[in-house]
Amino acid sequence: CMELKLQKFKTWQHPEIAETLGDCGSLCHVLGDYTHAESMLRTAVSVWRHLLPPSSPRLASALLELAGVFAAQRAWGEAEGLCQEAIAIFREAPDGTMQL
């Protein structure tokens, strides 16, 4: 699936690529494969950072997904920093833009 999307878009910097990475990373998280989950979710966050403004609730959601992987591994410092960044984004979001 990812290979086909990369062939189609010819870049990592595309919303469908970020979505697919996020979905696969979340699945790995649920399955307990934290190494792959972290890698995919870090890449998804990186793509979203490139594509979206820093105030985007979608970026905040991706940060929280990655924070969940760190929390599952009891890496509280990393999880906390990502959560704080996401909360700051949500606090600044205008009413009605919280849909993710």
Protein backbone atom coordinates (compact mmCIF):
# COMPACT_ATOMS: atom_id res chain seq x y z
CA CYS A 1 0.00 0.00 0.00
CA MET A 2 2.72 2.49 0.99
CA GLU A 3 4.87 1.59 -2.01
CA LEU A 4 1.94 2.21 -4.35
CA LYS A 5 1.24 5.59 -2.77
CA LEU A 6 4.89 6.59 -3.01
CA GLN A 7 4.92 5.59 -6.67
CA LYS A 8 1.72 7.55 -7.25
CA PHE A 9 2.75 10.76 -5.47
CA LYS A 10 6.54 10.48 -5.99
CA THR A 11 7.13 12.18 -2.64
CA TRP A 12 6.79 11.56 1.06
CA GLN A 13 5.32 15.04 1.49
CA HIS A 14 1.66 14.23 0.77
CA PRO A 15 -1.36 13.99 3.12
CA GLU A 16 -2.20 10.45 2.01
CA ILE A 17 1.33 9.35 2.87
CA ALA A 18 1.07 10.92 6.33
CA GLU A 19 -2.34 9.31 6.89
CA THR A 20 -1.09 5.89 5.84
CA LEU A 21 1.99 6.18 8.06
CA GLY A 22 -0.23 7.22 10.95
CA ASP A 23 -2.63 4.33 10.39
CA CYS A 24 0.19 1.78 10.15
CA GLY A 25 1.93 3.28 13.18
CA SER A 26 -1.27 3.10 15.21
CA LEU A 27 -1.76 -0.52 14.21
CA CYS A 28 1.81 -1.36 15.27
CA HIS A 29 1.16 0.40 18.58
CA VAL A 30 -1.96 -1.70 19.21
CA LEU A 31 -0.01 -4.85 18.34
CA GLY A 32 2.77 -3.88 20.75
CA ASP A 33 5.41 -3.31 18.06
CA TYR A 34 6.60 -0.03 19.57
CA THR A 35 9.77 0.24 17.48
CA HIS A 36 7.89 0.28 14.18
CA ALA A 37 5.05 2.34 15.66
CA GLU A 38 7.47 5.03 16.80
CA SER A 39 9.28 5.10 13.46
CA MET A 40 6.11 5.40 11.40
CA LEU A 41 4.47 7.94 13.69
CA ARG A 42 7.63 10.07 13.84
CA THR A 43 7.68 10.12 10.05
CA ALA A 44 3.96 10.96 9.92
CA VAL A 45 4.51 13.88 12.32
CA SER A 46 7.42 15.07 10.19
CA VAL A 47 5.29 15.00 7.05
CA TRP A 48 2.43 16.83 8.79
CA ARG A 49 4.89 19.46 10.07
CA HIS A 50 5.99 20.01 6.47
CA LEU A 51 2.46 20.17 5.05
CA LEU A 52 0.44 21.93 7.74
CA PRO A 53 0.68 25.16 9.69
CA PRO A 54 2.04 24.68 13.22
CA SER A 55 -1.41 25.50 14.62
CA SER A 56 -3.18 22.63 12.85
CA PRO A 57 -5.33 20.34 15.03
CA ARG A 58 -4.40 17.47 12.66
CA LEU A 59 -0.77 17.95 13.63
CA ALA A 60 -1.78 17.96 17.30
CA SER A 61 -3.60 14.67 16.81
CA ALA A 62 -0.52 13.10 15.23
CA LEU A 63 1.60 14.34 18.14
CA LEU A 64 -0.79 12.67 20.60
CA GLU A 65 -0.62 9.39 18.67
CA LEU A 66 3.17 9.44 18.96
CA ALA A 67 2.94 10.41 22.64
CA GLY A 68 0.80 7.32 23.20
CA VAL A 69 3.60 5.10 21.95
CA PHE A 70 6.05 6.71 24.35
CA ALA A 71 3.57 6.44 27.22
CA ALA A 72 3.08 2.73 26.49
CA GLN A 73 6.84 2.33 26.92
CA ARG A 74 6.82 4.46 30.08
CA ALA A 75 9.01 7.06 28.36
CA TRP A 76 7.21 9.79 30.25
CA GLY A 77 9.49 12.69 29.32
CA GLU A 78 9.05 12.18 25.58
CA ALA A 79 5.30 11.61 25.95
CA GLU A 80 4.88 14.70 28.12
CA GLY A 81 6.68 17.01 25.68
CA LEU A 82 4.53 15.84 22.76
CA CYS A 83 1.34 16.16 24.83
CA GLN A 84 2.26 19.68 25.89
CA GLU A 85 2.86 20.68 22.27
CA ALA A 86 -0.49 19.17 21.22
CA ILE A 87 -2.35 20.89 24.07
CA ALA A 88 -0.84 24.24 23.10
CA ILE A 89 -2.10 23.73 19.54
CA PHE A 90 -5.59 22.77 20.71
CA ARG A 91 -5.74 25.76 23.05
CA GLU A 92 -5.04 28.11 20.14
CA ALA A 93 -7.51 26.45 17.75
CA PRO A 94 -10.52 28.60 16.93
CA ASP A 95 -13.91 27.20 17.89
CA GLY A 96 -15.16 24.64 15.43
CA THR A 97 -11.72 23.52 14.21
CA MET A 98 -11.26 20.68 16.66
CA GLN A 99 -12.43 18.08 14.15
CA LEU A 100 -9.48 15.87 13.35
